[in-house]
PDB file of N, CA and C in Angstrom:
ATOM      1  N   MET A   1      28.630  88.435 -26.979  1.00  0.00           N
ATOM      2  CA  MET A   1      28.844  87.918 -25.627  1.00  0.00           C
ATOM      3  C   MET A   1      28.256  86.617 -25.673  1.00  0.00           C
ATOM      4  N   PRO A   2      29.004  85.498 -25.280  1.00  0.00           N
ATOM      5  CA  PRO A   2      28.337  84.061 -25.009  1.00  0.00           C
ATOM      6  C   PRO A   2      27.229  83.829 -23.719  1.00  0.00           C
ATOM      7  N   THR A   3      25.698  83.539 -24.514  1.00  0.00           N
ATOM      8  CA  THR A   3      25.171  82.869 -23.637  1.00  0.00           C
ATOM      9  C   THR A   3      25.121  81.988 -22.730  1.00  0.00           C
ATOM     10  N   GLY A   4      24.285  82.059 -21.355  1.00  0.00           N
ATOM     11  CA  GLY A   4      24.551  80.960 -20.545  1.00  0.00           C
ATOM     12  C   GLY A   4      23.807  79.873 -21.266  1.00  0.00           C
ATOM     13  N   LYS A   5      23.988  78.683 -20.374  1.00  0.00           N
ATOM     14  CA  LYS A   5      23.153  77.381 -21.030  1.00  0.00           C
ATOM     15  C   LYS A   5      22.056  76.765 -19.404  1.00  0.00           C
ATOM     16  N   LEU A   6      21.381  76.459 -19.945  1.00  0.00           N
ATOM     17  CA  LEU A   6      20.637  75.843 -18.657  1.00  0.00           C
ATOM     18  C   LEU A   6      20.482  74.357 -18.451  1.00  0.00           C
ATOM     19  N   ILE A   7      20.707  73.768 -18.141  1.00  0.00           N
ATOM     20  CA  ILE A   7      21.043  72.124 -17.539  1.00  0.00           C
ATOM     21  C   ILE A   7      20.154  71.558 -16.486  1.00  0.00           C
ATOM     22  N   THR A   8      19.327  71.188 -16.779  1.00  0.00           N
ATOM     23  CA  THR A   8      18.116  70.512 -15.651  1.00  0.00           C
ATOM     24  C   THR A   8      18.850  69.202 -15.638  1.00  0.00           C
ATOM     25  N   ILE A   9      18.295  68.682 -14.678  1.00  0.00           N
ATOM     26  CA  ILE A   9      18.950  66.674 -13.923  1.00  0.00           C
ATOM     27  C   ILE A   9      17.222  66.679 -13.370  1.00  0.00           C
ATOM     28  N   GLU A  10      16.838  65.944 -13.620  1.00  0.00           N
ATOM     29  CA  GLU A  10      15.436  65.826 -13.076  1.00  0.00           C
ATOM     30  C   GLU A  10      15.083  63.738 -13.015  1.00  0.00           C
ATOM     31  N   GLY A  11      14.642  63.804 -11.718  1.00  0.00           N
ATOM     32  CA  GLY A  11      14.293  62.451 -11.092  1.00  0.00           C
ATOM     33  C   GLY A  11      13.972  62.615  -9.977  1.00  0.00           C
ATOM     34  N   LEU A  12      13.616  61.225 -10.052  1.00  0.00           N
ATOM     35  CA  LEU A  12      12.362  61.081  -8.451  1.00  0.00           C
ATOM     36  C   LEU A  12      13.060  60.982  -7.385  1.00  0.00           C
ATOM     37  N   ASP A  13      12.519  61.660  -6.212  1.00  0.00           N
ATOM     38  CA  ASP A  13      13.319  61.975  -4.977  1.00  0.00           C
ATOM     39  C   ASP A  13      14.356  61.058  -4.497  1.00  0.00           C
ATOM     40  N   GLY A  14      15.160  61.059  -3.850  1.00  0.00           N
ATOM     41  CA  GLY A  14      16.174  60.758  -3.228  1.00  0.00           C
ATOM     42  C   GLY A  14      17.466  59.356  -4.752  1.00  0.00           C
ATOM     43  N   ALA A  15      17.060  60.229  -5.959  1.00  0.00           N
ATOM     44  CA  ALA A  15      17.855  59.177  -7.269  1.00  0.00           C
ATOM     45  C   ALA A  15      18.891  60.111  -7.168  1.00  0.00           C
ATOM     46  N   GLY A  16      19.581  61.099  -6.796  1.00  0.00           N
ATOM     47  CA  GLY A  16      20.613  61.658  -6.710  1.00  0.00           C
ATOM     48  C   GLY A  16      20.681  62.670  -7.369  1.00  0.00           C
ATOM     49  N   LYS A  17      20.336  63.662  -7.469  1.00  0.00           N
ATOM     50  CA  LYS A  17      20.060  64.558  -8.712  1.00  0.00           C
ATOM     51  C   LYS A  17      20.970  66.291  -7.926  1.00  0.00           C
ATOM     52  N   SER A  18      21.008  65.583  -6.332  1.00  0.00           N
ATOM     53  CA  SER A  18      21.591  67.220  -5.673  1.00  0.00           C
ATOM     54  C   SER A  18      22.831  66.533  -6.119  1.00  0.00           C
ATOM     55  N   THR A  19      23.371  65.097  -5.736  1.00  0.00           N
ATOM     56  CA  THR A  19      24.328  65.300  -5.597  1.00  0.00           C
ATOM     57  C   THR A  19      25.512  64.750  -7.277  1.00  0.00           C
ATOM     58  N   LEU A  20      24.971  64.592  -8.346  1.00  0.00           N
ATOM     59  CA  LEU A  20      25.176  64.835  -9.787  1.00  0.00           C
ATOM     60  C   LEU A  20      25.160  65.894  -9.875  1.00  0.00           C
ATOM     61  N   ALA A  21      23.906  67.152  -9.199  1.00  0.00           N
ATOM     62  CA  ALA A  21      24.527  68.597  -9.893  1.00  0.00           C
ATOM     63  C   ALA A  21      25.625  69.137  -9.072  1.00  0.00           C
ATOM     64  N   THR A  22      25.816  68.698  -7.869  1.00  0.00           N
ATOM     65  CA  THR A  22      27.075  69.099  -6.850  1.00  0.00           C
ATOM     66  C   THR A  22      28.553  68.627  -7.713  1.00  0.00           C
ATOM     67  N   ALA A  23      28.611  67.621  -8.371  1.00  0.00           N
ATOM     68  CA  ALA A  23      29.511  67.129  -9.037  1.00  0.00           C
ATOM     69  C   ALA A  23      29.752  68.134 -10.344  1.00  0.00           C
ATOM     70  N   LEU A  24      28.717  67.935 -10.915  1.00  0.00           N
ATOM     71  CA  LEU A  24      28.827  68.767 -12.808  1.00  0.00           C
ATOM     72  C   LEU A  24      29.587  70.023 -12.313  1.00  0.00           C
ATOM     73  N   SER A  25      28.817  70.534 -11.119  1.00  0.00           N
ATOM     74  CA  SER A  25      28.843  71.913 -11.180  1.00  0.00           C
ATOM     75  C   SER A  25      30.424  72.072 -10.394  1.00  0.00           C
ATOM     76  N   ALA A  26      31.234  71.417 -10.170  1.00  0.00           N
ATOM     77  CA  ALA A  26      32.504  71.784  -9.247  1.00  0.00           C
ATOM     78  C   ALA A  26      32.956  70.998 -10.592  1.00  0.00           C
ATOM     79  N   THR A  27      33.109  69.968 -11.476  1.00  0.00           N
ATOM     80  CA  THR A  27      33.809  69.779 -12.401  1.00  0.00           C
ATOM     81  C   THR A  27      33.954  70.635 -13.515  1.00  0.00           C
ATOM     82  N   LEU A  28      31.920  71.899 -13.707  1.00  0.00           N
ATOM     83  CA  LEU A  28      32.876  73.057 -14.771  1.00  0.00           C
ATOM     84  C   LEU A  28      33.401  74.280 -14.093  1.00  0.00           C
ATOM     85  N   LEU A  29      33.196  74.457 -12.678  1.00  0.00           N
ATOM     86  CA  LEU A  29      34.051  75.825 -12.212  1.00  0.00           C
ATOM     87  C   LEU A  29      35.625  75.289 -12.248  1.00  0.00           C
ATOM     88  N   ALA A  30      36.016  73.951 -11.992  1.00  0.00           N
ATOM     89  CA  ALA A  30      37.462  73.173 -12.368  1.00  0.00           C
ATOM     90  C   ALA A  30      38.016  74.030 -13.707  1.00  0.00           C
ATOM     91  N   ARG A  31      37.458  74.217 -14.715  1.00  0.00           N
ATOM     92  CA  ARG A  31      37.303  74.368 -16.017  1.00  0.00           C
ATOM     93  C   ARG A  31      37.007  75.572 -15.898  1.00  0.00           C
ATOM     94  N   GLY A  32      36.953  76.370 -14.595  1.00  0.00           N
ATOM     95  CA  GLY A  32      37.222  77.843 -15.009  1.00  0.00           C
ATOM     96  C   GLY A  32      35.396  78.313 -16.441  1.00  0.00           C
ATOM     97  N   LEU A  33      34.538  77.794 -15.803  1.00  0.00           N
ATOM     98  CA  LEU A  33      33.319  78.230 -16.102  1.00  0.00           C
ATOM     99  C   LEU A  33      32.861  78.600 -15.291  1.00  0.00           C
ATOM    100  N   PRO A  34      31.659  79.615 -15.247  1.00  0.00           N
ATOM    101  CA  PRO A  34      30.932  80.145 -14.586  1.00  0.00           C
ATOM    102  C   PRO A  34      29.327  79.166 -14.298  1.00  0.00           C
ATOM    103  N   VAL A  35      29.326  79.520 -12.732  1.00  0.00           N
ATOM    104  CA  VAL A  35      27.960  78.184 -12.110  1.00  0.00           C
ATOM    105  C   VAL A  35      27.302  78.695 -11.995  1.00  0.00           C
ATOM    106  N   GLU A  36      25.947  78.782 -11.810  1.00  0.00           N
ATOM    107  CA  GLU A  36      25.090  79.774 -10.312  1.00  0.00           C
ATOM    108  C   GLU A  36      24.288  78.112 -10.667  1.00  0.00           C
ATOM    109  N   LEU A  37      24.004  77.322  -9.127  1.00  0.00           N
ATOM    110  CA  LEU A  37      23.418  75.980  -8.806  1.00  0.00           C
ATOM    111  C   LEU A  37      22.149  76.302  -8.096  1.00  0.00           C
ATOM    112  N   LEU A  38      21.289  75.876  -9.133  1.00  0.00           N
ATOM    113  CA  LEU A  38      19.755  76.553  -8.708  1.00  0.00           C
ATOM    114  C   LEU A  38      18.998  74.893  -8.129  1.00  0.00           C
ATOM    115  N   ARG A  39      17.967  75.069  -7.316  1.00  0.00           N
ATOM    116  CA  ARG A  39      16.937  73.990  -7.020  1.00  0.00           C
ATOM    117  C   ARG A  39      15.295  73.967  -7.109  1.00  0.00           C
ATOM    118  N   GLU A  40      14.659  73.117  -7.396  1.00  0.00           N
ATOM    119  CA  GLU A  40      13.184  73.640  -7.582  1.00  0.00           C
ATOM    120  C   GLU A  40      12.564  72.798  -6.782  1.00  0.00           C
ATOM    121  N   PRO A  41      11.367  73.288  -6.063  1.00  0.00           N
ATOM    122  CA  PRO A  41      11.288  75.128  -5.980  1.00  0.00           C
ATOM    123  C   PRO A  41      12.161  75.386  -5.935  1.00  0.00           C
ATOM    124  N   GLY A  42      12.718  76.401  -5.203  1.00  0.00           N
ATOM    125  CA  GLY A  42      13.619  77.563  -4.776  1.00  0.00           C
ATOM    126  C   GLY A  42      14.598  78.335  -6.033  1.00  0.00           C
ATOM    127  N   GLY A  43      15.180  78.670  -5.325  1.00  0.00           N
ATOM    128  CA  GLY A  43      16.385  79.835  -6.286  1.00  0.00           C
ATOM    129  C   GLY A  43      15.992  81.239  -5.700  1.00  0.00           C
ATOM    130  N   THR A  44      14.610  81.858  -5.378  1.00  0.00           N
ATOM    131  CA  THR A  44      14.359  82.894  -5.387  1.00  0.00           C
ATOM    132  C   THR A  44      13.730  82.793  -3.751  1.00  0.00           C
ATOM    133  N   GLN A  45      13.106  83.952  -3.488  1.00  0.00           N
ATOM    134  CA  GLN A  45      12.728  84.205  -2.300  1.00  0.00           C
ATOM    135  C   GLN A  45      11.117  83.514  -2.107  1.00  0.00           C
ATOM    136  N   LEU A  46      10.414  83.913  -3.383  1.00  0.00           N
ATOM    137  CA  LEU A  46       9.188  83.219  -3.656  1.00  0.00           C
ATOM    138  C   LEU A  46       9.380  82.101  -3.731  1.00  0.00           C
ATOM    139  N   SER A  47      10.548  81.491  -4.363  1.00  0.00           N
ATOM    140  CA  SER A  47      10.625  79.951  -4.619  1.00  0.00           C
ATOM    141  C   SER A  47      10.869  79.243  -3.157  1.00  0.00           C
ATOM    142  N   GLU A  48      11.268  79.604  -2.338  1.00  0.00           N
ATOM    143  CA  GLU A  48      11.974  79.108  -1.298  1.00  0.00           C
ATOM    144  C   GLU A  48      10.934  79.213  -0.440  1.00  0.00           C
ATOM    145  N   SER A  49      10.154  80.022  -0.548  1.00  0.00           N
ATOM    146  CA  SER A  49       8.592  79.743   0.466  1.00  0.00           C
ATOM    147  C   SER A  49       7.735  78.335   0.506  1.00  0.00           C
ATOM    148  N   VAL A  50       7.477  78.685  -1.166  1.00  0.00           N
ATOM    149  CA  VAL A  50       6.830  77.171  -2.024  1.00  0.00           C
ATOM    150  C   VAL A  50       7.239  76.639  -1.387  1.00  0.00           C
ATOM    151  N   ARG A  51       8.720  75.764  -1.953  1.00  0.00           N
ATOM    152  CA  ARG A  51       9.850  74.838  -1.219  1.00  0.00           C
ATOM    153  C   ARG A  51       8.927  74.415   0.191  1.00  0.00           C
ATOM    154  N   ASP A  52       9.434  75.442   1.067  1.00  0.00           N
ATOM    155  CA  ASP A  52       8.965  75.244   2.716  1.00  0.00           C
ATOM    156  C   ASP A  52       7.311  74.759   2.367  1.00  0.00           C
ATOM    157  N   ILE A  53       6.474  75.142   2.139  1.00  0.00           N
ATOM    158  CA  ILE A  53       4.806  74.823   1.988  1.00  0.00           C
ATOM    159  C   ILE A  53       5.025  73.366   1.231  1.00  0.00           C
ATOM    160  N   VAL A  54       5.477  73.171   0.435  1.00  0.00           N
ATOM    161  CA  VAL A  54       5.124  71.694  -0.625  1.00  0.00           C
ATOM    162  C   VAL A  54       6.093  70.340   0.038  1.00  0.00           C
ATOM    163  N   LYS A  55       6.685  70.991   0.975  1.00  0.00           N
ATOM    164  CA  LYS A  55       7.735  70.262   1.605  1.00  0.00           C
ATOM    165  C   LYS A  55       7.394  70.011   2.615  1.00  0.00           C
ATOM    166  N   ASN A  56       6.262  70.540   3.456  1.00  0.00           N
ATOM    167  CA  ASN A  56       6.168  70.292   4.994  1.00  0.00           C
ATOM    168  C   ASN A  56       4.898  69.067   4.933  1.00  0.00           C
ATOM    169  N   PRO A  57       5.150  68.309   5.997  1.00  0.00           N
ATOM    170  CA  PRO A  57       4.609  66.814   5.990  1.00  0.00           C
ATOM    171  C   PRO A  57       2.964  66.645   6.596  1.00  0.00           C
ATOM    172  N   SER A  58       3.127  68.176   7.270  1.00  0.00           N
ATOM    173  CA  SER A  58       1.730  68.506   7.906  1.00  0.00           C
ATOM    174  C   SER A  58       0.461  69.021   7.068  1.00  0.00           C
ATOM    175  N   LEU A  59       0.964  69.505   5.711  1.00  0.00           N
ATOM    176  CA  LEU A  59       0.206  69.906   4.890  1.00  0.00           C
ATOM    177  C   LEU A  59      -0.490  68.853   4.146  1.00  0.00           C
ATOM    178  N   ARG A  60      -1.691  68.643   3.830  1.00  0.00           N
ATOM    179  CA  ARG A  60      -2.233  68.320   2.644  1.00  0.00           C
ATOM    180  C   ARG A  60      -2.544  68.859   1.412  1.00  0.00           C
ATOM    181  N   ILE A  61      -1.841  68.707   0.218  1.00  0.00           N
ATOM    182  CA  ILE A  61      -1.919  69.457  -0.684  1.00  0.00           C
ATOM    183  C   ILE A  61      -2.222  69.002  -1.832  1.00  0.00           C
ATOM    184  N   GLY A  62      -3.522  68.981  -2.470  1.00  0.00           N
ATOM    185  CA  GLY A  62      -4.124  67.945  -3.525  1.00  0.00           C
ATOM    186  C   GLY A  62      -3.278  68.345  -4.538  1.00  0.00           C
ATOM    187  N   ALA A  63      -3.630  67.691  -5.849  1.00  0.00           N
ATOM    188  CA  ALA A  63      -1.761  67.587  -6.860  1.00  0.00           C
ATOM    189  C   ALA A  63      -2.349  68.531  -7.473  1.00  0.00           C
ATOM    190  N   ARG A  64      -3.780  69.248  -7.893  1.00  0.00           N
ATOM    191  CA  ARG A  64      -3.692  69.825  -8.790  1.00  0.00           C
ATOM    192  C   ARG A  64      -2.758  71.317  -8.100  1.00  0.00           C
ATOM    193  N   ALA A  65      -3.617  71.925  -6.403  1.00  0.00           N
ATOM    194  CA  ALA A  65      -2.287  72.967  -6.285  1.00  0.00           C
ATOM    195  C   ALA A  65      -1.332  72.479  -5.665  1.00  0.00           C
ATOM    196  N   GLU A  66      -0.399  71.709  -5.757  1.00  0.00           N
ATOM    197  CA  GLU A  66       0.869  71.357  -5.709  1.00  0.00           C
ATOM    198  C   GLU A  66       1.039  71.979  -6.882  1.00  0.00           C
ATOM    199  N   ALA A  67       0.296  71.302  -8.222  1.00  0.00           N
ATOM    200  CA  ALA A  67       1.304  71.278  -9.175  1.00  0.00           C
ATOM    201  C   ALA A  67       1.180  72.904  -9.399  1.00  0.00           C
ATOM    202  N   LEU A  68       0.355  73.820  -9.543  1.00  0.00           N
ATOM    203  CA  LEU A  68       0.000  75.176  -9.620  1.00  0.00           C
ATOM    204  C   LEU A  68       1.267  75.666  -8.539  1.00  0.00           C
ATOM    205  N   LEU A  69       1.420  75.062  -7.222  1.00  0.00           N
ATOM    206  CA  LEU A  69       2.565  75.975  -6.336  1.00  0.00           C
ATOM    207  C   LEU A  69       3.969  75.762  -7.183  1.00  0.00           C
ATOM    208  N   TYR A  70       4.063  74.535  -7.734  1.00  0.00           N
ATOM    209  CA  TYR A  70       5.042  74.202  -8.502  1.00  0.00           C
ATOM    210  C   TYR A  70       5.502  74.938  -9.828  1.00  0.00           C
ATOM    211  N   ALA A  71       4.551  75.231 -10.315  1.00  0.00           N
ATOM    212  CA  ALA A  71       4.377  76.192 -11.844  1.00  0.00           C
ATOM    213  C   ALA A  71       5.074  77.428 -11.374  1.00  0.00           C
ATOM    214  N   ALA A  72       3.987  77.835  -9.770  1.00  0.00           N
ATOM    215  CA  ALA A  72       4.065  79.575  -9.653  1.00  0.00           C
ATOM    216  C   ALA A  72       6.082  79.729  -9.252  1.00  0.00           C
ATOM    217  N   ALA A  73       6.277  78.470  -8.401  1.00  0.00           N
ATOM    218  CA  ALA A  73       7.830  78.979  -7.997  1.00  0.00           C
ATOM    219  C   ALA A  73       8.517  79.019  -9.333  1.00  0.00           C
ATOM    220  N   ARG A  74       8.303  77.922 -10.514  1.00  0.00           N
ATOM    221  CA  ARG A  74       9.001  77.951 -12.007  1.00  0.00           C
ATOM    222  C   ARG A  74       9.023  78.785 -12.666  1.00  0.00           C
ATOM    223  N   ALA A  75       7.697  79.701 -12.503  1.00  0.00           N
ATOM    224  CA  ALA A  75       7.655  81.273 -13.354  1.00  0.00           C
ATOM    225  C   ALA A  75       8.179  82.243 -12.489  1.00  0.00           C
ATOM    226  N   GLN A  76       8.423  81.753 -11.099  1.00  0.00           N
ATOM    227  CA  GLN A  76       9.794  83.440 -10.663  1.00  0.00           C
ATOM    228  C   GLN A  76      11.081  83.053 -10.727  1.00  0.00           C
ATOM    229  N   LEU A  77      11.018  81.724 -10.711  1.00  0.00           N
ATOM    230  CA  LEU A  77      12.751  80.942 -10.798  1.00  0.00           C
ATOM    231  C   LEU A  77      13.063  81.512 -12.062  1.00  0.00           C
ATOM    232  N   VAL A  78      12.178  81.708 -13.457  1.00  0.00           N
ATOM    233  CA  VAL A  78      12.372  81.472 -14.303  1.00  0.00           C
ATOM    234  C   VAL A  78      12.058  83.185 -14.752  1.00  0.00           C
ATOM    235  N   GLU A  79      11.864  84.209 -14.585  1.00  0.00           N
ATOM    236  CA  GLU A  79      11.466  85.391 -14.429  1.00  0.00           C
ATOM    237  C   GLU A  79      12.838  86.329 -13.504  1.00  0.00           C
ATOM    238  N   GLU A  80      13.354  85.801 -12.375  1.00  0.00           N
ATOM    239  CA  GLU A  80      14.236  86.408 -11.936  1.00  0.00           C
ATOM    240  C   GLU A  80      15.999  85.662 -11.915  1.00  0.00           C
ATOM    241  N   ILE A  81      16.069  84.794 -12.600  1.00  0.00           N
ATOM    242  CA  ILE A  81      17.154  84.368 -12.773  1.00  0.00           C
ATOM    243  C   ILE A  81      17.145  83.441 -14.390  1.00  0.00           C
ATOM    244  N   VAL A  82      16.733  82.737 -14.110  1.00  0.00           N
ATOM    245  CA  VAL A  82      16.831  81.701 -15.749  1.00  0.00           C
ATOM    246  C   VAL A  82      17.343  82.988 -17.127  1.00  0.00           C
ATOM    247  N   THR A  83      16.053  83.536 -17.469  1.00  0.00           N
ATOM    248  CA  THR A  83      15.979  84.911 -17.891  1.00  0.00           C
ATOM    249  C   THR A  83      17.157  85.371 -18.136  1.00  0.00           C
ATOM    250  N   ARG A  84      17.557  85.713 -17.213  1.00  0.00           N
ATOM    251  CA  ARG A  84      19.057  86.741 -16.977  1.00  0.00           C
ATOM    252  C   ARG A  84      20.235  85.763 -17.220  1.00  0.00           C
ATOM    253  N   ALA A  85      20.277  84.601 -16.554  1.00  0.00           N
ATOM    254  CA  ALA A  85      21.574  84.001 -16.929  1.00  0.00           C
ATOM    255  C   ALA A  85      21.980  83.368 -18.160  1.00  0.00           C
ATOM    256  N   THR A  86      20.447  82.640 -19.180  1.00  0.00           N
ATOM    257  CA  THR A  86      20.523  82.355 -20.305  1.00  0.00           C
ATOM    258  C   THR A  86      20.694  83.558 -21.276  1.00  0.00           C
ATOM    259  N   GLU A  87      20.552  85.101 -20.962  1.00  0.00           N
ATOM    260  CA  GLU A  87      20.295  85.841 -21.769  1.00  0.00           C
ATOM    261  C   GLU A  87      18.970  85.723 -22.689  1.00  0.00           C
ATOM    262  N   ALA A  88      18.325  84.324 -22.346  1.00  0.00           N
ATOM    263  CA  ALA A  88      17.332  83.969 -23.328  1.00  0.00           C
ATOM    264  C   ALA A  88      16.121  85.078 -23.003  1.00  0.00           C
ATOM    265  N   ASP A  89      14.763  84.995 -23.614  1.00  0.00           N
ATOM    266  CA  ASP A  89      14.054  86.230 -24.058  1.00  0.00           C
ATOM    267  C   ASP A  89      12.693  85.337 -22.695  1.00  0.00           C
ATOM    268  N   THR A  90      12.169  85.953 -21.504  1.00  0.00           N
ATOM    269  CA  THR A  90      11.310  85.207 -20.712  1.00  0.00           C
ATOM    270  C   THR A  90      10.401  83.837 -21.624  1.00  0.00           C
ATOM    271  N   ALA A  91       9.448  84.439 -22.210  1.00  0.00           N
ATOM    272  CA  ALA A  91       8.998  83.617 -23.094  1.00  0.00           C
ATOM    273  C   ALA A  91       9.831  81.975 -23.316  1.00  0.00           C
ATOM    274  N   GLU A  92      10.569  82.061 -24.091  1.00  0.00           N
ATOM    275  CA  GLU A  92      11.357  81.202 -24.599  1.00  0.00           C
ATOM    276  C   GLU A  92      11.971  80.451 -23.312  1.00  0.00           C
ATOM    277  N   ALA A  93      12.652  80.678 -22.532  1.00  0.00           N
ATOM    278  CA  ALA A  93      12.817  80.276 -20.919  1.00  0.00           C
ATOM    279  C   ALA A  93      12.094  79.558 -20.266  1.00  0.00           C
ATOM    280  N   TRP A  94      10.705  80.651 -20.392  1.00  0.00           N
ATOM    281  CA  TRP A  94       9.325  79.719 -19.598  1.00  0.00           C
ATOM    282  C   TRP A  94       9.039  78.293 -20.256  1.00  0.00           C
ATOM    283  N   ARG A  95       8.789  78.887 -21.733  1.00  0.00           N
ATOM    284  CA  ARG A  95       8.727  77.477 -22.744  1.00  0.00           C
ATOM    285  C   ARG A  95       9.198  76.509 -22.496  1.00  0.00           C
ATOM    286  N   ASP A  96      11.110  76.247 -22.240  1.00  0.00           N
ATOM    287  CA  ASP A  96      11.745  75.487 -21.939  1.00  0.00           C
ATOM    288  C   ASP A  96      11.236  74.448 -20.870  1.00  0.00           C
ATOM    289  N   ALA A  97      11.029  75.744 -19.394  1.00  0.00           N
ATOM    290  CA  ALA A  97      11.202  75.241 -17.738  1.00  0.00           C
ATOM    291  C   ALA A  97       9.602  74.415 -18.137  1.00  0.00           C
ATOM    292  N   HIS A  98       8.291  74.846 -18.704  1.00  0.00           N
ATOM    293  CA  HIS A  98       7.127  74.661 -19.013  1.00  0.00           C
ATOM    294  C   HIS A  98       7.097  72.992 -19.273  1.00  0.00           C
ATOM    295  N   ARG A  99       7.775  72.872 -20.780  1.00  0.00           N
ATOM    296  CA  ARG A  99       8.156  71.293 -21.551  1.00  0.00           C
ATOM    297  C   ARG A  99       8.692  69.859 -20.048  1.00  0.00           C
ATOM    298  N   SER A 100       9.469  71.056 -18.953  1.00  0.00           N
ATOM    299  CA  SER A 100       9.907  70.085 -18.185  1.00  0.00           C
ATOM    300  C   SER A 100       8.676  69.622 -17.195  1.00  0.00           C
ATOM    301  N   ALA A 101       7.870  70.851 -17.030  1.00  0.00           N
ATOM    302  CA  ALA A 101       7.082  70.665 -16.100  1.00  0.00           C
ATOM    303  C   ALA A 101       6.011  69.681 -16.457  1.00  0.00           C
ATOM    304  N   GLU A 102       5.371  69.525 -18.311  1.00  0.00           N
ATOM    305  CA  GLU A 102       4.854  69.057 -18.833  1.00  0.00           C
ATOM    306  C   GLU A 102       4.733  67.631 -18.382  1.00  0.00           C
ATOM    307  N   ARG A 103       6.071  67.019 -18.491  1.00  0.00           N
ATOM    308  CA  ARG A 103       6.956  66.039 -18.291  1.00  0.00           C
ATOM    309  C   ARG A 103       6.431  65.553 -16.795  1.00  0.00           C
ATOM    310  N   THR A 104       6.861  66.163 -15.991  1.00  0.00           N
ATOM    311  CA  THR A 104       6.496  65.897 -14.483  1.00  0.00           C
ATOM    312  C   THR A 104       5.495  65.610 -13.936  1.00  0.00           C
ATOM    313  N   ALA A 105       4.185  66.346 -14.826  1.00  0.00           N
ATOM    314  CA  ALA A 105       2.854  65.997 -14.553  1.00  0.00           C
ATOM    315  C   ALA A 105       2.392  64.985 -15.277  1.00  0.00           C
ATOM    316  N   ASP A 106       3.209  64.445 -16.222  1.00  0.00           N
ATOM    317  CA  ASP A 106       2.720  63.406 -17.036  1.00  0.00           C
ATOM    318  C   ASP A 106       2.724  62.444 -15.914  1.00  0.00           C
ATOM    319  N   GLN A 107       3.811  62.376 -15.037  1.00  0.00           N
ATOM    320  CA  GLN A 107       3.760  61.022 -14.318  1.00  0.00           C
ATOM    321  C   GLN A 107       3.380  61.276 -13.045  1.00  0.00           C
ATOM    322  N   VAL A 108       1.992  62.282 -12.724  1.00  0.00           N
ATOM    323  CA  VAL A 108       1.370  62.042 -11.763  1.00  0.00           C
ATOM    324  C   VAL A 108       0.471  61.126 -12.215  1.00  0.00           C
ATOM    325  N   PRO A 109      -0.084  60.099 -10.768  1.00  0.00           N
ATOM    326  CA  PRO A 109      -0.648  58.576 -11.732  1.00  0.00           C
ATOM    327  C   PRO A 109      -2.191  60.003 -10.683  1.00  0.00           C
ATOM    328  N   ARG A 110      -3.214  59.032 -12.339  1.00  0.00           N
ATOM    329  CA  ARG A 110      -4.574  59.818 -12.645  1.00  0.00           C
ATOM    330  C   ARG A 110      -5.554  59.758 -11.450  1.00  0.00           C
ATOM    331  N   GLU A 111      -5.013  58.911 -10.125  1.00  0.00           N
ATOM    332  CA  GLU A 111      -5.910  58.809  -9.086  1.00  0.00           C
ATOM    333  C   GLU A 111      -5.662  60.396  -8.388  1.00  0.00           C
ATOM    334  N   ALA A 112      -4.546  60.998  -8.693  1.00  0.00           N
ATOM    335  CA  ALA A 112      -4.337  62.114  -7.507  1.00  0.00           C
ATOM    336  C   ALA A 112      -4.953  63.455  -8.103  1.00  0.00           C
ATOM    337  N   HIS A 113      -5.234  62.982  -9.819  1.00  0.00           N
ATOM    338  CA  HIS A 113      -5.717  64.237 -10.640  1.00  0.00           C
ATOM    339  C   HIS A 113      -7.147  64.354  -9.667  1.00  0.00           C
ATOM    340  N   ALA A 114      -7.642  62.994  -9.194  1.00  0.00           N
ATOM    341  CA  ALA A 114      -8.829  62.998  -8.760  1.00  0.00           C
ATOM    342  C   ALA A 114      -8.889  63.878  -7.486  1.00  0.00           C
ATOM    343  N   ASP A 115      -7.971  63.587  -6.666  1.00  0.00           N
ATOM    344  CA  ASP A 115      -8.172  64.247  -5.698  1.00  0.00           C
ATOM    345  C   ASP A 115      -8.262  65.760  -5.438  1.00  0.00           C
ATOM    346  N   SER A 116      -8.032  66.584  -6.509  1.00  0.00           N
ATOM    347  CA  SER A 116      -8.223  68.424  -6.571  1.00  0.00           C
ATOM    348  C   SER A 116      -9.593  68.883  -6.572  1.00  0.00           C
TER     349      SER A 116
END
């Protein structure tokens, strides 16, 4: 049985990630390929709750706390969906997701780290 593939699209807010993901999904579906479109944070009940927290403009969340919230949401997504969809073991899927998170964390200005 072929394994699924995980395609990630990264970019800043407003860069067009959702637009690109929707178009790619439609193209793959038109070719008869199964697609499960996910977002981060999101995709699971817990991760959607985290999304509500980090997107709430009335909350001031320190950089470290925000990073940990994103990590928790990603861990849940990997546990519930990515591992199953790609037939990868959890350690492999987590490692790949973690590398993406590290690249994101490297983009946080040093001053933001000091706030936490």
